[in-house]
Amino acid sequence: MQEVESTSVFRSAPFLRLWTGTTASGLATWALPFILGLAVLDRSIGAVELGVVLAARTVGFLAAAPVAGVLADRYPRRRVVLWAGLVAAGASPLIALGLGRSTVLMAVAAAVAGAGQGACRPAFQALTAEVVAADQRQRANAAMTLSVRVTTLVAPGLTALLAVVVDTSALLVGTGVLWLGAALLPPKGTAAVVATGSRFAADFVAGVREARGHPWFLAGLGALTAVIATGYSATGVALPLVSRDRYGTETVLAGALTAYTLGALVGAVLIARWRPRAEGWVALAGLGVYGFAPLSLLLPVPAVVVVGAYVVAGVGIELFNVPWFTGTQREVDPRMLARVSSLDFLLSYGLAPVGLALIAPAIDHFGPRPVLAVCAVVCFAAPAAAALVPSTRGFRTVTRRQAGGPGR
């Protein structure tokens, strides 16, 4: 095993600006469902309205991600981030305006905000590769994910405290301010991106073709999608039920979710300094250990075992995420990086709602134990199957030239 150089990526002003911008966007993204949850508690909206608004945001995200992937490869990534952030910033006050007055207005504004979020993600991924030197990207990606995990851990309490001082509408407007920061803070990239002049569909297909040229990427994306669509969805539905019915307390639910975030923090710190020789296989193993989460809910174990399983799952997911992002930034043609990244987000995150929609009725029909058992098997088996693809060992694409044969 190898350790990464000790130089801090935060000594780079461009990266610090990029990190601050992505942190602001992550906080704004996380805050919306939590704030709307507070609105349900104070009866400004009902549970049905909450579901409609969050579904609209997801639709906006999924619709915008592939479009933004093409645009961020045609034009400067900084410009795409700017306009995406401004769009989300403008939509946030409209959600506040519709609160308790118009579900339609809230849903449309949430879809627009989701589109801004979806447009930012591939552009941020590509911009990171421009701003950060190749030998520092693993640390940079670890720093990015650390900000997400710290936000998840700390922000609920801070938001609840703010809710004592200001109302829900003001908090929603505050997410617009965060999006404004996400739009304005990131630096300019270094790549000279030139508009291709070709049709959108042709550019998108070119991105798919580029992704297909990296077998490790297809295998890893398939495994990630399977784990998110089954494991994440199953535990999201089953954990509250198991916490209530088996242990008779909400403490297990809160403890497991907190443990997952703390585990992810540990994983991010670890992978920031450690480069395994077979980093792809280590990453897939980390992804696979998420299977311990549904397995712990399946078996009649003490509550501390459930919490421990979520710690392990959290460590594992960051052992996967950071090398995955770094490998994509290193191996994919820089001219197509945003398009390939958009496919990543589109499939992995896009199928999560589908998984939730199928898992909940499956648990109602078959009961939680068979569903959790199937999901645990998928979480273990999908990354193991992906590891059978040779290039997943290091998340590196071996061309015929590199292998000693004629070049493409």
Protein backbone atom coordinates (compact mmCIF):
# COMPACT_ATOMS: atom_id res chain seq x y z
CA MET A 1 0.00 0.00 0.00
CA GLN A 2 1.08 3.57 -0.61
CA GLU A 3 0.36 6.89 1.08
CA VAL A 4 -0.43 10.06 -0.81
CA GLU A 5 1.90 13.04 -0.59
CA SER A 6 1.29 15.28 2.41
CA THR A 7 0.78 18.51 0.49
CA SER A 8 -2.64 19.96 1.27
CA VAL A 9 -4.94 20.65 -1.66
CA PHE A 10 -6.35 23.57 0.31
CA ARG A 11 -3.15 25.52 -0.38
CA SER A 12 -4.49 25.96 -3.89
CA ALA A 13 -6.79 29.00 -4.06
CA PRO A 14 -8.68 27.69 -7.12
CA PHE A 15 -9.43 24.41 -5.37
CA LEU A 16 -10.46 26.20 -2.19
CA ARG A 17 -12.96 28.23 -4.23
CA LEU A 18 -14.20 25.11 -5.97
CA TRP A 19 -14.52 23.22 -2.68
CA THR A 20 -16.45 26.09 -1.10
CA GLY A 21 -18.80 26.26 -4.08
CA THR A 22 -19.47 22.52 -4.11
CA THR A 23 -20.00 22.57 -0.34
CA ALA A 24 -22.56 25.34 -0.73
CA SER A 25 -24.37 23.39 -3.44
CA GLY A 26 -24.31 20.24 -1.31
CA LEU A 27 -25.72 22.07 1.68
CA ALA A 28 -28.48 23.62 -0.41
CA THR A 29 -29.31 20.23 -1.93
CA TRP A 30 -29.47 18.54 1.46
CA ALA A 31 -31.38 21.38 3.14
CA LEU A 32 -34.46 21.44 0.88
CA PRO A 33 -36.06 18.13 1.97
CA PHE A 34 -35.18 18.81 5.62
CA ILE A 35 -36.72 22.29 5.54
CA LEU A 36 -39.81 20.98 3.78
CA GLY A 37 -40.01 18.34 6.50
CA LEU A 38 -40.12 21.16 9.03
CA ALA A 39 -42.94 22.68 6.97
CA VAL A 40 -44.89 19.43 7.37
CA LEU A 41 -44.33 19.56 11.12
CA ASP A 42 -45.71 23.11 11.37
CA ARG A 43 -48.58 22.11 9.03
CA SER A 44 -47.67 24.58 6.28
CA ILE A 45 -47.89 21.65 3.86
CA GLY A 46 -49.00 18.03 4.11
CA ALA A 47 -47.17 14.78 3.47
CA VAL A 48 -48.70 14.49 -0.01
CA GLU A 49 -47.44 17.94 -0.99
CA LEU A 50 -44.01 17.06 0.37
CA GLY A 51 -43.88 13.94 -1.78
CA VAL A 52 -44.99 15.82 -4.90
CA VAL A 53 -42.39 18.56 -4.45
CA LEU A 54 -39.51 16.16 -3.78
CA ALA A 55 -40.54 13.99 -6.73
CA ALA A 56 -40.59 17.08 -8.96
CA ARG A 57 -37.09 17.96 -7.84
CA THR A 58 -35.88 14.45 -8.73
CA VAL A 59 -37.48 14.71 -12.18
CA GLY A 60 -35.71 18.02 -12.75
CA PHE A 61 -32.39 16.50 -11.70
CA LEU A 62 -32.74 13.51 -14.01
CA ALA A 63 -33.84 15.63 -16.95
CA ALA A 64 -30.99 18.12 -16.59
CA ALA A 65 -28.05 15.81 -15.88
CA PRO A 66 -27.55 14.41 -19.41
CA VAL A 67 -28.20 17.80 -21.02
CA ALA A 68 -25.69 19.48 -18.70
CA GLY A 69 -23.16 16.74 -19.40
CA VAL A 70 -23.22 17.64 -23.09
CA LEU A 71 -23.20 21.39 -22.43
CA ALA A 72 -20.29 21.15 -19.98
CA ASP A 73 -18.25 19.39 -22.67
CA ARG A 74 -19.23 21.92 -25.33
CA TYR A 75 -18.65 25.07 -23.30
CA PRO A 76 -16.46 26.14 -20.36
CA ARG A 77 -17.46 24.15 -17.28
CA ARG A 78 -17.31 27.28 -15.13
CA ARG A 79 -20.04 28.85 -17.27
CA VAL A 80 -22.30 25.82 -16.88
CA VAL A 81 -21.82 25.89 -13.10
CA LEU A 82 -22.63 29.60 -13.07
CA TRP A 83 -25.90 29.30 -14.95
CA ALA A 84 -26.95 26.12 -13.15
CA GLY A 85 -26.37 27.74 -9.77
CA LEU A 86 -28.20 30.90 -10.79
CA VAL A 87 -31.18 28.86 -11.99
CA ALA A 88 -31.38 26.99 -8.68
CA ALA A 89 -30.89 30.23 -6.74
CA GLY A 90 -33.79 31.86 -8.59
CA ALA A 91 -36.08 28.88 -8.04
CA SER A 92 -35.60 28.67 -4.26
CA PRO A 93 -37.58 31.83 -3.35
CA LEU A 94 -40.40 30.59 -5.61
CA ILE A 95 -40.65 27.43 -3.52
CA ALA A 96 -40.98 29.69 -0.48
CA LEU A 97 -43.61 31.78 -2.28
CA GLY A 98 -45.73 28.71 -3.00
CA LEU A 99 -45.41 27.31 0.52
CA GLY A 100 -48.92 26.81 1.86
CA ARG A 101 -50.41 28.59 -1.16
CA SER A 102 -49.76 26.62 -4.34
CA THR A 103 -48.45 23.08 -4.61
CA VAL A 104 -48.14 23.54 -8.37
CA LEU A 105 -45.85 26.55 -7.96
CA MET A 106 -43.75 24.69 -5.40
CA ALA A 107 -43.47 21.63 -7.64
CA VAL A 108 -42.48 23.62 -10.73
CA ALA A 109 -39.93 25.64 -8.76
CA ALA A 110 -38.56 22.45 -7.17
CA ALA A 111 -38.18 20.89 -10.62
CA VAL A 112 -36.21 23.95 -11.75
CA ALA A 113 -34.04 23.79 -8.62
CA GLY A 114 -33.49 20.08 -9.26
CA ALA A 115 -32.45 20.90 -12.80
CA GLY A 116 -29.86 23.32 -11.45
CA GLN A 117 -28.60 20.64 -9.09
CA GLY A 118 -28.45 18.06 -11.86
CA ALA A 119 -26.61 20.47 -14.15
CA CYS A 120 -24.00 21.27 -11.49
CA ARG A 121 -22.95 17.71 -10.75
CA PRO A 122 -21.22 16.68 -14.01
CA ALA A 123 -19.82 20.18 -14.48
CA PHE A 124 -18.27 20.13 -10.99
CA GLN A 125 -16.74 16.71 -11.69
CA ALA A 126 -15.13 17.93 -14.91
CA LEU A 127 -14.04 21.23 -13.34
CA THR A 128 -12.26 19.36 -10.55
CA ALA A 129 -10.12 17.58 -13.14
CA GLU A 130 -9.18 20.97 -14.62
CA VAL A 131 -8.39 22.73 -11.35
CA VAL A 132 -6.53 19.96 -9.50
CA ALA A 133 -3.31 18.28 -10.62
CA ALA A 134 -3.60 14.55 -11.32
CA ASP A 135 -1.49 13.50 -8.31
CA GLN A 136 -3.72 15.52 -5.95
CA ARG A 137 -7.15 14.51 -7.21
CA GLN A 138 -7.65 11.68 -4.75
CA ARG A 139 -7.11 14.09 -1.87
CA ALA A 140 -9.33 16.64 -3.57
CA ASN A 141 -12.17 14.17 -4.06
CA ALA A 142 -11.81 13.04 -0.46
CA ALA A 143 -12.04 16.67 0.67
CA MET A 144 -15.20 17.10 -1.43
CA THR A 145 -16.91 14.11 0.12
CA LEU A 146 -15.78 15.10 3.61
CA SER A 147 -17.67 18.36 3.23
CA VAL A 148 -20.81 16.43 2.25
CA ARG A 149 -20.56 14.13 5.27
CA VAL A 150 -19.85 16.93 7.74
CA THR A 151 -22.82 18.81 6.33
CA THR A 152 -25.04 15.76 6.79
CA LEU A 153 -23.85 15.37 10.37
CA VAL A 154 -23.98 18.96 11.55
CA ALA A 155 -26.60 20.67 9.41
CA PRO A 156 -29.78 19.13 10.92
CA GLY A 157 -29.07 20.61 14.32
CA LEU A 158 -28.07 23.99 12.89
CA THR A 159 -31.17 24.13 10.71
CA ALA A 160 -33.39 23.22 13.63
CA LEU A 161 -31.80 26.01 15.66
CA LEU A 162 -32.33 28.50 12.82
CA ALA A 163 -35.96 27.41 12.61
CA VAL A 164 -36.45 28.75 16.13
CA VAL A 165 -35.37 32.21 14.96
CA VAL A 166 -36.74 32.41 11.40
CA ASP A 167 -39.67 30.78 9.63
CA THR A 168 -39.59 28.07 7.01
CA SER A 169 -39.96 30.49 4.11
CA ALA A 170 -36.84 32.35 5.19
CA LEU A 171 -34.92 29.08 5.38
CA LEU A 172 -35.98 28.24 1.83
CA VAL A 173 -34.77 31.64 0.65
CA GLY A 174 -31.53 30.87 2.46
CA THR A 175 -30.99 27.86 0.21
CA GLY A 176 -31.15 30.31 -2.70
CA VAL A 177 -28.28 32.25 -1.14
CA LEU A 178 -26.28 29.02 -0.90
CA TRP A 179 -26.94 28.32 -4.58
CA LEU A 180 -25.81 31.84 -5.39
CA GLY A 181 -22.51 31.06 -3.67
CA ALA A 182 -22.26 27.80 -5.60
CA ALA A 183 -22.72 29.76 -8.82
CA LEU A 184 -20.24 32.55 -8.15
CA LEU A 185 -17.44 31.00 -6.11
CA PRO A 186 -15.89 28.29 -8.36
CA PRO A 187 -12.86 29.35 -10.43
CA LYS A 188 -12.35 29.23 -14.15
CA GLY A 189 -11.06 25.97 -15.55
CA THR A 190 -7.92 25.50 -17.59
CA ALA A 191 -9.27 23.44 -20.48
CA ALA A 192 -9.96 25.13 -23.79
CA VAL A 193 -13.41 23.67 -24.44
CA VAL A 194 -14.76 24.49 -27.88
CA ALA A 195 -18.37 24.07 -29.01
CA THR A 196 -18.59 21.14 -31.43
CA GLY A 197 -21.48 22.39 -33.54
CA SER A 198 -22.89 18.86 -33.71
CA ARG A 199 -26.35 17.87 -32.57
CA PHE A 200 -27.11 17.17 -28.94
CA ALA A 201 -28.02 13.54 -29.61
CA ALA A 202 -24.74 12.93 -31.46
CA ASP A 203 -22.73 14.43 -28.62
CA PHE A 204 -24.63 12.37 -26.05
CA VAL A 205 -24.07 9.17 -28.02
CA ALA A 206 -20.38 10.03 -28.24
CA GLY A 207 -20.32 10.20 -24.44
CA VAL A 208 -21.99 6.80 -24.21
CA ARG A 209 -19.43 5.44 -26.66
CA GLU A 210 -16.61 6.84 -24.52
CA ALA A 211 -18.08 5.19 -21.42
CA ARG A 212 -18.31 1.86 -23.27
CA GLY A 213 -14.61 2.12 -24.01
CA HIS A 214 -13.86 1.73 -20.30
CA PRO A 215 -14.98 -1.76 -19.17
CA TRP A 216 -14.10 -1.03 -15.55
CA PHE A 217 -16.44 1.98 -15.61
CA LEU A 218 -19.38 -0.01 -16.96
CA ALA A 219 -18.80 -2.80 -14.44
CA GLY A 220 -18.42 -0.40 -11.52
CA LEU A 221 -21.44 1.64 -12.54
CA GLY A 222 -23.54 -1.51 -12.79
CA ALA A 223 -22.47 -2.55 -9.29
CA LEU A 224 -23.07 0.91 -7.85
CA THR A 225 -26.52 1.12 -9.43
CA ALA A 226 -27.45 -2.30 -8.09
CA VAL A 227 -26.36 -1.44 -4.54
CA ILE A 228 -28.17 1.91 -4.54
CA ALA A 229 -31.37 0.53 -6.10
CA THR A 230 -31.54 -2.38 -3.65
CA GLY A 231 -29.46 -1.85 -0.52
CA TYR A 232 -30.01 1.87 -0.09
CA SER A 233 -33.70 1.57 -0.89
CA ALA A 234 -34.32 -1.46 1.32
CA THR A 235 -32.60 -0.03 4.36
CA GLY A 236 -34.29 3.32 3.81
CA VAL A 237 -37.68 1.62 4.09
CA ALA A 238 -36.84 -1.17 6.53
CA LEU A 239 -34.63 0.64 9.05
CA PRO A 240 -37.47 2.73 10.56
CA LEU A 241 -39.69 -0.39 10.70
CA VAL A 242 -37.04 -2.54 12.37
CA SER A 243 -36.14 0.24 14.79
CA ARG A 244 -39.78 0.52 15.83
CA ASP A 245 -40.92 -3.11 15.76
CA ARG A 246 -37.82 -5.03 16.90
CA TYR A 247 -36.20 -2.57 19.28
CA GLY A 248 -39.19 -0.44 20.27
CA THR A 249 -37.33 2.85 19.98
CA GLU A 250 -36.36 5.46 17.42
CA THR A 251 -32.86 5.57 18.93
CA VAL A 252 -31.66 2.73 16.69
CA LEU A 253 -32.83 4.63 13.60
CA ALA A 254 -31.03 7.81 14.64
CA GLY A 255 -27.97 5.90 15.83
CA ALA A 256 -27.62 3.90 12.60
CA LEU A 257 -27.91 6.97 10.37
CA THR A 258 -25.39 8.88 12.49
CA ALA A 259 -23.08 5.86 12.50
CA TYR A 260 -23.22 5.68 8.71
CA THR A 261 -22.17 9.32 8.40
CA LEU A 262 -19.37 8.92 10.95
CA GLY A 263 -18.16 5.81 9.14
CA ALA A 264 -18.15 7.72 5.86
CA LEU A 265 -16.04 10.46 7.48
CA VAL A 266 -13.53 7.84 8.62
CA GLY A 267 -13.51 6.28 5.15
CA ALA A 268 -12.90 9.63 3.46
CA VAL A 269 -10.01 10.47 5.79
CA LEU A 270 -8.50 7.01 5.25
CA ILE A 271 -8.68 7.01 1.46
CA ALA A 272 -7.35 10.57 1.27
CA ARG A 273 -3.98 9.28 2.51
CA TRP A 274 -3.98 5.69 1.26
CA ARG A 275 -3.57 4.41 -2.28
CA PRO A 276 -3.95 0.63 -2.39
CA ARG A 277 -2.11 -1.11 -5.21
CA ALA A 278 -5.36 -2.70 -6.37
CA GLU A 279 -7.45 0.38 -5.62
CA GLY A 280 -10.35 -0.69 -7.84
CA TRP A 281 -10.79 -4.01 -6.09
CA VAL A 282 -10.51 -2.33 -2.70
CA ALA A 283 -13.14 0.18 -3.83
CA LEU A 284 -15.51 -2.56 -4.99
CA ALA A 285 -14.97 -4.42 -1.72
CA GLY A 286 -15.89 -1.21 0.09
CA LEU A 287 -19.04 -0.93 -1.99
CA GLY A 288 -19.89 -4.55 -1.26
CA VAL A 289 -19.75 -4.20 2.51
CA TYR A 290 -22.93 -2.13 2.30
CA GLY A 291 -24.57 -5.55 2.28
CA PHE A 292 -23.95 -5.74 6.04
CA ALA A 293 -26.57 -3.01 6.52
CA PRO A 294 -29.58 -4.98 5.18
CA LEU A 295 -28.06 -8.16 6.68
CA SER A 296 -28.04 -6.61 10.16
CA LEU A 297 -31.70 -5.66 9.76
CA LEU A 298 -32.53 -9.19 8.65
CA LEU A 299 -30.97 -11.00 11.62
CA PRO A 300 -32.14 -10.78 15.27
CA VAL A 301 -28.99 -9.10 16.52
CA PRO A 302 -28.44 -6.57 19.33
CA ALA A 303 -28.93 -2.92 18.40
CA VAL A 304 -25.20 -2.26 18.71
CA VAL A 305 -24.56 -4.70 15.85
CA VAL A 306 -26.93 -2.74 13.60
CA VAL A 307 -25.11 0.47 14.45
CA GLY A 308 -21.75 -1.21 13.84
CA ALA A 309 -22.94 -2.51 10.45
CA TYR A 310 -23.81 1.03 9.42
CA VAL A 311 -20.37 2.26 10.50
CA VAL A 312 -18.79 -0.39 8.26
CA ALA A 313 -21.13 0.52 5.39
CA GLY A 314 -20.22 4.19 5.74
CA VAL A 315 -16.48 3.47 5.68
CA GLY A 316 -16.95 1.25 2.65
CA ILE A 317 -18.94 3.68 0.57
CA GLU A 318 -16.19 6.29 0.72
CA LEU A 319 -13.52 3.70 0.00
CA PHE A 320 -15.49 3.30 -3.23
CA ASN A 321 -16.54 6.88 -3.98
CA VAL A 322 -13.17 8.60 -3.89
CA PRO A 323 -11.21 6.16 -6.12
CA TRP A 324 -14.26 5.95 -8.41
CA PHE A 325 -14.36 9.70 -9.02
CA THR A 326 -10.57 9.88 -9.27
CA GLY A 327 -10.42 7.03 -11.75
CA THR A 328 -13.10 8.59 -13.92
CA GLN A 329 -11.26 11.92 -13.97
CA ARG A 330 -7.99 10.18 -14.84
CA GLU A 331 -9.11 7.68 -17.48
CA VAL A 332 -11.94 9.35 -19.39
CA ASP A 333 -11.15 11.64 -22.31
CA PRO A 334 -11.22 15.16 -20.77
CA ARG A 335 -13.34 16.34 -23.69
CA MET A 336 -16.08 13.90 -22.66
CA LEU A 337 -15.66 13.82 -18.90
CA ALA A 338 -18.85 15.74 -18.10
CA ARG A 339 -20.93 13.48 -20.37
CA VAL A 340 -19.57 10.30 -18.80
CA SER A 341 -20.05 11.76 -15.29
CA SER A 342 -23.65 12.62 -16.14
CA LEU A 343 -24.26 8.96 -17.06
CA ASP A 344 -22.87 8.01 -13.66
CA PHE A 345 -25.27 10.31 -11.80
CA LEU A 346 -28.17 9.54 -14.11
CA LEU A 347 -28.05 5.77 -13.57
CA SER A 348 -26.83 5.48 -9.99
CA TYR A 349 -28.97 8.22 -8.47
CA GLY A 350 -31.75 8.03 -11.05
CA LEU A 351 -32.65 4.44 -10.21
CA ALA A 352 -32.76 5.10 -6.46
CA PRO A 353 -36.37 6.41 -6.60
CA VAL A 354 -37.30 3.41 -8.74
CA GLY A 355 -35.82 1.15 -6.10
CA LEU A 356 -37.79 2.89 -3.36
CA ALA A 357 -40.98 2.63 -5.39
CA LEU A 358 -40.52 -1.14 -5.81
CA ILE A 359 -39.03 -2.03 -2.42
CA ALA A 360 -41.84 -0.54 -0.31
CA PRO A 361 -44.66 -2.60 -1.88
CA ALA A 362 -42.37 -5.67 -1.94
CA ILE A 363 -41.90 -5.38 1.82
CA ASP A 364 -45.66 -4.97 2.27
CA HIS A 365 -46.34 -8.08 0.16
CA PHE A 366 -43.52 -10.47 1.12
CA GLY A 367 -42.45 -9.02 4.46
CA PRO A 368 -39.11 -7.38 5.27
CA ARG A 369 -37.02 -10.55 5.79
CA PRO A 370 -37.12 -11.99 2.23
CA VAL A 371 -36.66 -8.54 0.68
CA LEU A 372 -33.73 -7.72 2.95
CA ALA A 373 -32.16 -11.10 2.21
CA VAL A 374 -32.34 -10.54 -1.55
CA CYS A 375 -30.97 -7.02 -1.21
CA ALA A 376 -28.07 -8.18 0.97
CA VAL A 377 -27.17 -10.84 -1.62
CA VAL A 378 -27.27 -8.25 -4.43
CA CYS A 379 -25.07 -5.84 -2.44
CA PHE A 380 -22.44 -8.55 -1.92
CA ALA A 381 -22.71 -10.15 -5.35
CA ALA A 382 -22.84 -7.13 -7.69
CA PRO A 383 -19.41 -5.67 -6.72
CA ALA A 384 -17.91 -9.18 -6.68
CA ALA A 385 -19.18 -9.74 -10.21
CA ALA A 386 -17.81 -6.36 -11.29
CA ALA A 387 -14.39 -7.32 -9.93
CA LEU A 388 -14.25 -10.16 -12.47
CA VAL A 389 -13.66 -7.53 -15.17
CA PRO A 390 -9.83 -7.33 -15.27
CA SER A 391 -9.53 -3.55 -15.65
CA THR A 392 -11.46 -2.97 -12.40
CA ARG A 393 -8.33 -3.96 -10.46
CA GLY A 394 -6.98 -0.43 -10.69
CA PHE A 395 -9.89 1.40 -12.33
CA ARG A 396 -7.63 1.77 -15.36
CA THR A 397 -8.38 1.27 -19.02
CA VAL A 398 -5.81 -0.90 -20.80
CA THR A 399 -5.68 -0.10 -24.49
CA ARG A 400 -4.18 -2.41 -27.07
CA ARG A 401 -1.18 -0.10 -27.34
CA GLN A 402 -0.56 -0.33 -23.59
CA ALA A 403 -0.99 -4.09 -23.73
CA GLY A 404 1.71 -4.36 -26.40
CA GLY A 405 -0.58 -4.58 -29.44
CA PRO A 406 -1.32 -2.07 -32.16
CA GLY A 407 -2.97 1.15 -31.09
CA ARG A 408 -6.54 2.08 -31.88
